[in-house]
PDB file of N, CA and C in Angstrom:
ATOM      1  N   MET A   1       0.822  -1.181   0.000  1.00  0.00           N
ATOM      2  CA  MET A   1       0.000   0.000   0.000  1.00  0.00           C
ATOM      3  C   MET A   1       0.874   1.255   0.000  1.00  0.00           C
ATOM      4  N   ARG A   2       1.930   1.252   0.829  1.00  0.00           N
ATOM      5  CA  ARG A   2       2.804   2.424   0.897  1.00  0.00           C
ATOM      6  C   ARG A   2       3.477   2.667  -0.456  1.00  0.00           C
ATOM      7  N   LYS A   3       3.846   1.596  -1.125  1.00  0.00           N
ATOM      8  CA  LYS A   3       4.482   1.745  -2.441  1.00  0.00           C
ATOM      9  C   LYS A   3       3.480   2.297  -3.453  1.00  0.00           C
ATOM     10  N   ALA A   4       2.256   1.806  -3.416  1.00  0.00           N
ATOM     11  CA  ALA A   4       1.231   2.263  -4.355  1.00  0.00           C
ATOM     12  C   ALA A   4       0.925   3.750  -4.170  1.00  0.00           C
ATOM     13  N   LEU A   5       1.008   4.231  -2.932  1.00  0.00           N
ATOM     14  CA  LEU A   5       0.744   5.649  -2.648  1.00  0.00           C
ATOM     15  C   LEU A   5       1.997   6.514  -2.783  1.00  0.00           C
ATOM     16  N   GLY A   6       3.148   5.871  -3.027  1.00  0.00           N
ATOM     17  CA  GLY A   6       4.391   6.617  -3.176  1.00  0.00           C
ATOM     18  C   GLY A   6       4.867   7.228  -1.873  1.00  0.00           C
ATOM     19  N   LEU A   7       4.693   6.499  -0.782  1.00  0.00           N
ATOM     20  CA  LEU A   7       5.049   7.016   0.535  1.00  0.00           C
ATOM     21  C   LEU A   7       6.486   6.695   0.896  1.00  0.00           C
ATOM     22  N   SER A   8       7.139   7.636   1.532  1.00  0.00           N
ATOM     23  CA  SER A   8       8.460   7.407   2.100  1.00  0.00           C
ATOM     24  C   SER A   8       8.277   6.849   3.508  1.00  0.00           C
ATOM     25  N   LYS A   9       9.390   6.538   4.153  1.00  0.00           N
ATOM     26  CA  LYS A   9       9.344   5.868   5.450  1.00  0.00           C
ATOM     27  C   LYS A   9       8.541   6.632   6.503  1.00  0.00           C
ATOM     28  N   ARG A  10       8.694   7.934   6.559  1.00  0.00           N
ATOM     29  CA  ARG A  10       8.021   8.712   7.606  1.00  0.00           C
ATOM     30  C   ARG A  10       6.739   9.409   7.138  1.00  0.00           C
ATOM     31  N   ASP A  11       6.326   9.179   5.908  1.00  0.00           N
ATOM     32  CA  ASP A  11       5.083   9.770   5.420  1.00  0.00           C
ATOM     33  C   ASP A  11       3.898   9.143   6.147  1.00  0.00           C
ATOM     34  N   LYS A  12       2.834   9.889   6.245  1.00  0.00           N
ATOM     35  CA  LYS A  12       1.624   9.441   6.927  1.00  0.00           C
ATOM     36  C   LYS A  12       0.544   9.114   5.900  1.00  0.00           C
ATOM     37  N   ILE A  13      -0.374   8.264   6.320  1.00  0.00           N
ATOM     38  CA  ILE A  13      -1.501   7.880   5.480  1.00  0.00           C
ATOM     39  C   ILE A  13      -2.768   8.538   6.020  1.00  0.00           C
ATOM     40  N   TYR A  14      -3.546   9.123   5.117  1.00  0.00           N
ATOM     41  CA  TYR A  14      -4.850   9.678   5.465  1.00  0.00           C
ATOM     42  C   TYR A  14      -5.884   8.698   4.930  1.00  0.00           C
ATOM     43  N   TYR A  15      -6.882   8.377   5.742  1.00  0.00           N
ATOM     44  CA  TYR A  15      -7.943   7.516   5.224  1.00  0.00           C
ATOM     45  C   TYR A  15      -9.300   8.041   5.659  1.00  0.00           C
ATOM     46  N   SER A  16     -10.280   7.732   4.843  1.00  0.00           N
ATOM     47  CA  SER A  16     -11.650   8.153   5.093  1.00  0.00           C
ATOM     48  C   SER A  16     -12.562   6.950   4.854  1.00  0.00           C
ATOM     49  N   ILE A  17     -13.468   6.711   5.791  1.00  0.00           N
ATOM     50  CA  ILE A  17     -14.413   5.602   5.645  1.00  0.00           C
ATOM     51  C   ILE A  17     -15.745   6.181   5.188  1.00  0.00           C
ATOM     52  N   GLN A  18     -16.195   5.722   4.023  1.00  0.00           N
ATOM     53  CA  GLN A  18     -17.446   6.194   3.433  1.00  0.00           C
ATOM     54  C   GLN A  18     -18.634   5.504   4.106  1.00  0.00           C
ATOM     55  N   LEU A  19     -19.826   6.052   3.903  1.00  0.00           N
ATOM     56  CA  LEU A  19     -21.034   5.477   4.505  1.00  0.00           C
ATOM     57  C   LEU A  19     -21.276   4.038   4.063  1.00  0.00           C
ATOM     58  N   ASN A  20     -20.853   3.701   2.845  1.00  0.00           N
ATOM     59  CA  ASN A  20     -21.059   2.343   2.337  1.00  0.00           C
ATOM     60  C   ASN A  20     -19.972   1.371   2.806  1.00  0.00           C
ATOM     61  N   GLY A  21     -19.041   1.862   3.662  1.00  0.00           N
ATOM     62  CA  GLY A  21     -17.977   1.015   4.178  1.00  0.00           C
ATOM     63  C   GLY A  21     -16.702   1.059   3.365  1.00  0.00           C
ATOM     64  N   GLN A  22     -16.745   1.714   2.219  1.00  0.00           N
ATOM     65  CA  GLN A  22     -15.553   1.839   1.376  1.00  0.00           C
ATOM     66  C   GLN A  22     -14.521   2.714   2.096  1.00  0.00           C
ATOM     67  N   VAL A  23     -13.260   2.300   2.010  1.00  0.00           N
ATOM     68  CA  VAL A  23     -12.168   3.052   2.630  1.00  0.00           C
ATOM     69  C   VAL A  23     -11.346   3.701   1.529  1.00  0.00           C
ATOM     70  N   ILE A  24     -11.144   4.992   1.648  1.00  0.00           N
ATOM     71  CA  ILE A  24     -10.326   5.737   0.692  1.00  0.00           C
ATOM     72  C   ILE A  24      -9.052   6.155   1.411  1.00  0.00           C
ATOM     73  N   MET A  25      -7.914   5.757   0.818  1.00  0.00           N
ATOM     74  CA  MET A  25      -6.616   6.071   1.425  1.00  0.00           C
ATOM     75  C   MET A  25      -5.815   6.961   0.492  1.00  0.00           C
ATOM     76  N   SER A  26      -5.060   7.890   1.096  1.00  0.00           N
ATOM     77  CA  SER A  26      -4.184   8.766   0.321  1.00  0.00           C
ATOM     78  C   SER A  26      -3.021   9.201   1.199  1.00  0.00           C
ATOM     79  N   LYS A  27      -2.051   9.800   0.557  1.00  0.00           N
ATOM     80  CA  LYS A  27      -0.908  10.336   1.295  1.00  0.00           C
ATOM     81  C   LYS A  27      -1.368  11.578   2.048  1.00  0.00           C
ATOM     82  N   ALA A  28      -1.089  11.623   3.345  1.00  0.00           N
ATOM     83  CA  ALA A  28      -1.483  12.776   4.151  1.00  0.00           C
ATOM     84  C   ALA A  28      -0.587  13.957   3.830  1.00  0.00           C
ATOM     85  N   ALA A  29      -1.169  15.140   3.867  1.00  0.00           N
ATOM     86  CA  ALA A  29      -0.387  16.362   3.654  1.00  0.00           C
ATOM     87  C   ALA A  29       0.621  16.486   4.785  1.00  0.00           C
ATOM     88  N   GLN A  30       1.837  16.861   4.435  1.00  0.00           N
ATOM     89  CA  GLN A  30       2.878  16.989   5.446  1.00  0.00           C
ATOM     90  C   GLN A  30       2.834  18.366   6.071  1.00  0.00           C
ATOM     91  N   SER A  31       2.930  18.365   7.373  1.00  0.00           N
ATOM     92  CA  SER A  31       2.997  19.619   8.112  1.00  0.00           C
ATOM     93  C   SER A  31       4.457  19.909   8.416  1.00  0.00           C
ATOM     94  N   GLU A  32       4.861  21.136   8.211  1.00  0.00           N
ATOM     95  CA  GLU A  32       6.237  21.527   8.489  1.00  0.00           C
ATOM     96  C   GLU A  32       6.474  21.679   9.983  1.00  0.00           C
ATOM     97  N   ASP A  33       5.386  21.875  10.746  1.00  0.00           N
ATOM     98  CA  ASP A  33       5.518  22.072  12.180  1.00  0.00           C
ATOM     99  C   ASP A  33       5.429  20.747  12.906  1.00  0.00           C
ATOM    100  N   ASP A  34       6.302  20.559  13.858  1.00  0.00           N
ATOM    101  CA  ASP A  34       6.279  19.382  14.711  1.00  0.00           C
ATOM    102  C   ASP A  34       5.692  19.831  16.052  1.00  0.00           C
ATOM    103  N   PRO A  35       4.464  19.418  16.387  1.00  0.00           N
ATOM    104  CA  PRO A  35       3.831  19.918  17.609  1.00  0.00           C
ATOM    105  C   PRO A  35       4.603  19.547  18.872  1.00  0.00           C
ATOM    106  N   VAL A  36       5.208  18.376  18.905  1.00  0.00           N
ATOM    107  CA  VAL A  36       5.967  17.974  20.089  1.00  0.00           C
ATOM    108  C   VAL A  36       7.205  18.844  20.240  1.00  0.00           C
ATOM    109  N   LEU A  37       7.901  19.076  19.136  1.00  0.00           N
ATOM    110  CA  LEU A  37       9.084  19.940  19.191  1.00  0.00           C
ATOM    111  C   LEU A  37       8.689  21.351  19.598  1.00  0.00           C
ATOM    112  N   GLY A  38       7.592  21.853  19.054  1.00  0.00           N
ATOM    113  CA  GLY A  38       7.110  23.186  19.415  1.00  0.00           C
ATOM    114  C   GLY A  38       6.808  23.301  20.901  1.00  0.00           C
ATOM    115  N   GLN A  39       6.153  22.289  21.456  1.00  0.00           N
ATOM    116  CA  GLN A  39       5.844  22.293  22.889  1.00  0.00           C
ATOM    117  C   GLN A  39       7.122  22.242  23.720  1.00  0.00           C
ATOM    118  N   PHE A  40       8.082  21.448  23.281  1.00  0.00           N
ATOM    119  CA  PHE A  40       9.347  21.347  24.005  1.00  0.00           C
ATOM    120  C   PHE A  40      10.073  22.690  23.987  1.00  0.00           C
ATOM    121  N   LEU A  41      10.122  23.334  22.818  1.00  0.00           N
ATOM    122  CA  LEU A  41      10.791  24.628  22.724  1.00  0.00           C
ATOM    123  C   LEU A  41      10.074  25.685  23.563  1.00  0.00           C
ATOM    124  N   ASP A  42       8.738  25.642  23.597  1.00  0.00           N
ATOM    125  CA  ASP A  42       7.985  26.558  24.461  1.00  0.00           C
ATOM    126  C   ASP A  42       8.339  26.326  25.926  1.00  0.00           C
ATOM    127  N   PHE A  43       8.471  25.065  26.305  1.00  0.00           N
ATOM    128  CA  PHE A  43       8.852  24.717  27.682  1.00  0.00           C
ATOM    129  C   PHE A  43      10.230  25.282  28.009  1.00  0.00           C
ATOM    130  N   ILE A  44      11.183  25.125  27.092  1.00  0.00           N
ATOM    131  CA  ILE A  44      12.541  25.645  27.312  1.00  0.00           C
ATOM    132  C   ILE A  44      12.520  27.163  27.456  1.00  0.00           C
ATOM    133  N   VAL A  45      11.786  27.841  26.586  1.00  0.00           N
ATOM    134  CA  VAL A  45      11.689  29.302  26.650  1.00  0.00           C
ATOM    135  C   VAL A  45      11.132  29.733  28.003  1.00  0.00           C
ATOM    136  N   GLU A  46      10.073  29.081  28.431  1.00  0.00           N
ATOM    137  CA  GLU A  46       9.453  29.424  29.713  1.00  0.00           C
ATOM    138  C   GLU A  46      10.400  29.162  30.880  1.00  0.00           C
ATOM    139  N   ASP A  47      11.122  28.050  30.828  1.00  0.00           N
ATOM    140  CA  ASP A  47      12.077  27.722  31.890  1.00  0.00           C
ATOM    141  C   ASP A  47      13.202  28.751  31.956  1.00  0.00           C
ATOM    142  N   ILE A  48      13.688  29.185  30.808  1.00  0.00           N
ATOM    143  CA  ILE A  48      14.751  30.202  30.782  1.00  0.00           C
ATOM    144  C   ILE A  48      14.223  31.524  31.341  1.00  0.00           C
ATOM    145  N   ARG A  49      12.992  31.868  30.985  1.00  0.00           N
ATOM    146  CA  ARG A  49      12.388  33.107  31.514  1.00  0.00           C
ATOM    147  C   ARG A  49      12.259  33.056  33.038  1.00  0.00           C
ATOM    148  N   ASN A  50      11.793  31.913  33.530  1.00  0.00           N
ATOM    149  CA  ASN A  50      11.530  31.779  34.966  1.00  0.00           C
ATOM    150  C   ASN A  50      12.782  31.516  35.787  1.00  0.00           C
ATOM    151  N   ASN A  51      13.816  30.966  35.165  1.00  0.00           N
ATOM    152  CA  ASN A  51      15.022  30.575  35.907  1.00  0.00           C
ATOM    153  C   ASN A  51      16.292  30.976  35.157  1.00  0.00           C
ATOM    154  N   PRO A  52      16.478  32.251  34.878  1.00  0.00           N
ATOM    155  CA  PRO A  52      17.640  32.656  34.076  1.00  0.00           C
ATOM    156  C   PRO A  52      18.982  32.332  34.735  1.00  0.00           C
ATOM    157  N   LEU A  53      18.992  32.198  36.042  1.00  0.00           N
ATOM    158  CA  LEU A  53      20.260  31.903  36.730  1.00  0.00           C
ATOM    159  C   LEU A  53      20.675  30.438  36.588  1.00  0.00           C
ATOM    160  N   HIS A  54      19.780  29.599  36.078  1.00  0.00           N
ATOM    161  CA  HIS A  54      20.113  28.189  35.864  1.00  0.00           C
ATOM    162  C   HIS A  54      20.961  27.971  34.613  1.00  0.00           C
ATOM    163  N   ILE A  55      21.031  28.969  33.758  1.00  0.00           N
ATOM    164  CA  ILE A  55      21.800  28.838  32.515  1.00  0.00           C
ATOM    165  C   ILE A  55      23.276  28.903  32.842  1.00  0.00           C
ATOM    166  N   GLN A  56      24.009  27.905  32.361  1.00  0.00           N
ATOM    167  CA  GLN A  56      25.446  27.837  32.609  1.00  0.00           C
ATOM    168  C   GLN A  56      26.176  27.442  31.333  1.00  0.00           C
ATOM    169  N   ALA A  57      27.361  27.961  31.190  1.00  0.00           N
ATOM    170  CA  ALA A  57      28.212  27.543  30.065  1.00  0.00           C
ATOM    171  C   ALA A  57      28.747  26.146  30.361  1.00  0.00           C
ATOM    172  N   ILE A  58      28.974  25.380  29.309  1.00  0.00           N
ATOM    173  CA  ILE A  58      29.580  24.066  29.546  1.00  0.00           C
ATOM    174  C   ILE A  58      31.057  24.271  29.855  1.00  0.00           C
ATOM    175  N   SER A  59      31.594  23.356  30.607  1.00  0.00           N
ATOM    176  CA  SER A  59      33.003  23.467  30.986  1.00  0.00           C
ATOM    177  C   SER A  59      33.895  23.154  29.792  1.00  0.00           C
ATOM    178  N   SER A  60      35.114  23.654  29.839  1.00  0.00           N
ATOM    179  CA  SER A  60      36.059  23.366  28.761  1.00  0.00           C
ATOM    180  C   SER A  60      36.404  21.880  28.737  1.00  0.00           C
ATOM    181  N   ASP A  61      36.375  21.215  29.897  1.00  0.00           N
ATOM    182  CA  ASP A  61      36.631  19.765  29.938  1.00  0.00           C
ATOM    183  C   ASP A  61      35.550  18.997  29.173  1.00  0.00           C
ATOM    184  N   LEU A  62      34.297  19.367  29.393  1.00  0.00           N
ATOM    185  CA  LEU A  62      33.208  18.698  28.681  1.00  0.00           C
ATOM    186  C   LEU A  62      33.296  18.991  27.187  1.00  0.00           C
ATOM    187  N   PHE A  63      33.553  20.235  26.835  1.00  0.00           N
ATOM    188  CA  PHE A  63      33.684  20.601  25.432  1.00  0.00           C
ATOM    189  C   PHE A  63      34.794  19.784  24.764  1.00  0.00           C
ATOM    190  N   ASN A  64      35.940  19.703  25.398  1.00  0.00           N
ATOM    191  CA  ASN A  64      37.071  18.944  24.848  1.00  0.00           C
ATOM    192  C   ASN A  64      36.745  17.453  24.746  1.00  0.00           C
ATOM    193  N   ARG A  65      36.021  16.919  25.718  1.00  0.00           N
ATOM    194  CA  ARG A  65      35.638  15.501  25.689  1.00  0.00           C
ATOM    195  C   ARG A  65      34.726  15.226  24.488  1.00  0.00           C
ATOM    196  N   VAL A  66      33.737  16.086  24.281  1.00  0.00           N
ATOM    197  CA  VAL A  66      32.831  15.920  23.144  1.00  0.00           C
ATOM    198  C   VAL A  66      33.608  16.036  21.835  1.00  0.00           C
ATOM    199  N   GLN A  67      34.485  17.015  21.743  1.00  0.00           N
ATOM    200  CA  GLN A  67      35.300  17.179  20.534  1.00  0.00           C
ATOM    201  C   GLN A  67      36.117  15.927  20.248  1.00  0.00           C
ATOM    202  N   SER A  68      36.673  15.331  21.290  1.00  0.00           N
ATOM    203  CA  SER A  68      37.494  14.123  21.094  1.00  0.00           C
ATOM    204  C   SER A  68      36.650  12.954  20.599  1.00  0.00           C
ATOM    205  N   LEU A  69      35.384  12.920  20.983  1.00  0.00           N
ATOM    206  CA  LEU A  69      34.505  11.824  20.568  1.00  0.00           C
ATOM    207  C   LEU A  69      34.040  11.950  19.115  1.00  0.00           C
ATOM    208  N   ILE A  70      34.001  13.170  18.597  1.00  0.00           N
ATOM    209  CA  ILE A  70      33.464  13.364  17.242  1.00  0.00           C
ATOM    210  C   ILE A  70      34.507  13.785  16.217  1.00  0.00           C
ATOM    211  N   THR A  71      35.760  13.828  16.608  1.00  0.00           N
ATOM    212  CA  THR A  71      36.811  14.302  15.714  1.00  0.00           C
ATOM    213  C   THR A  71      36.820  13.576  14.374  1.00  0.00           C
ATOM    214  N   ASP A  72      36.737  12.263  14.372  1.00  0.00           N
ATOM    215  CA  ASP A  72      36.827  11.487  13.134  1.00  0.00           C
ATOM    216  C   ASP A  72      35.463  11.081  12.571  1.00  0.00           C
ATOM    217  N   VAL A  73      34.400  11.666  13.086  1.00  0.00           N
ATOM    218  CA  VAL A  73      33.059  11.324  12.610  1.00  0.00           C
ATOM    219  C   VAL A  73      32.708  12.237  11.440  1.00  0.00           C
ATOM    220  N   GLU A  74      32.353  11.611  10.304  1.00  0.00           N
ATOM    221  CA  GLU A  74      31.951  12.369   9.129  1.00  0.00           C
ATOM    222  C   GLU A  74      30.446  12.235   8.960  1.00  0.00           C
ATOM    223  N   PHE A  75      29.791  13.341   8.642  1.00  0.00           N
ATOM    224  CA  PHE A  75      28.351  13.306   8.424  1.00  0.00           C
ATOM    225  C   PHE A  75      27.944  14.412   7.475  1.00  0.00           C
ATOM    226  N   ASP A  76      26.808  14.194   6.834  1.00  0.00           N
ATOM    227  CA  ASP A  76      26.256  15.168   5.902  1.00  0.00           C
ATOM    228  C   ASP A  76      24.804  15.405   6.324  1.00  0.00           C
ATOM    229  N   LEU A  77      24.515  16.593   6.850  1.00  0.00           N
ATOM    230  CA  LEU A  77      23.173  16.882   7.345  1.00  0.00           C
ATOM    231  C   LEU A  77      22.130  16.891   6.242  1.00  0.00           C
ATOM    232  N   ASP A  78      22.553  16.981   4.995  1.00  0.00           N
ATOM    233  CA  ASP A  78      21.620  17.020   3.878  1.00  0.00           C
ATOM    234  C   ASP A  78      21.321  15.648   3.290  1.00  0.00           C
ATOM    235  N   SER A  79      22.072  14.621   3.682  1.00  0.00           N
ATOM    236  CA  SER A  79      21.823  13.296   3.129  1.00  0.00           C
ATOM    237  C   SER A  79      20.731  12.583   3.925  1.00  0.00           C
ATOM    238  N   PRO A  80      19.914  11.780   3.261  1.00  0.00           N
ATOM    239  CA  PRO A  80      18.854  11.057   3.974  1.00  0.00           C
ATOM    240  C   PRO A  80      19.435   9.979   4.883  1.00  0.00           C
ATOM    241  N   LEU A  81      18.721   9.651   5.935  1.00  0.00           N
ATOM    242  CA  LEU A  81      19.147   8.588   6.843  1.00  0.00           C
ATOM    243  C   LEU A  81      18.983   7.234   6.155  1.00  0.00           C
ATOM    244  N   SER A  82      19.879   6.330   6.461  1.00  0.00           N
ATOM    245  CA  SER A  82      19.730   4.957   5.957  1.00  0.00           C
ATOM    246  C   SER A  82      18.667   4.254   6.804  1.00  0.00           C
ATOM    247  N   ASP A  83      18.207   3.096   6.362  1.00  0.00           N
ATOM    248  CA  ASP A  83      17.193   2.328   7.130  1.00  0.00           C
ATOM    249  C   ASP A  83      17.708   1.997   8.524  1.00  0.00           C
ATOM    250  N   GLU A  84      19.016   1.731   8.661  1.00  0.00           N
ATOM    251  CA  GLU A  84      19.576   1.377   9.959  1.00  0.00           C
ATOM    252  C   GLU A  84      19.604   2.576  10.917  1.00  0.00           C
ATOM    253  N   ASP A  85      19.649   3.790  10.366  1.00  0.00           N
ATOM    254  CA  ASP A  85      19.754   4.979  11.199  1.00  0.00           C
ATOM    255  C   ASP A  85      18.408   5.521  11.663  1.00  0.00           C
ATOM    256  N   GLU A  86      17.322   5.084  11.034  1.00  0.00           N
ATOM    257  CA  GLU A  86      16.010   5.627  11.404  1.00  0.00           C
ATOM    258  C   GLU A  86      15.405   4.863  12.523  1.00  0.00           C
TER     259      GLU A  86
END
């Protein structure tokens, strides 16, 4: 069914059930907004407003540790994820 509708891995299916019991399926329109991400970002904004003194810079030790972990990692943000990565 996904192949017949031309759906990618994360595409959604829209369906409608008619009065006679017939089911009509189509590719759902994609929304650019992610409601969960939006709610999370709103939460972060509110937390920063209410607790500005909680904001801290990361330590140079942590920064250096992260840098050492990703030094040889190559990635392309524009390339699609493989099946194993999703």
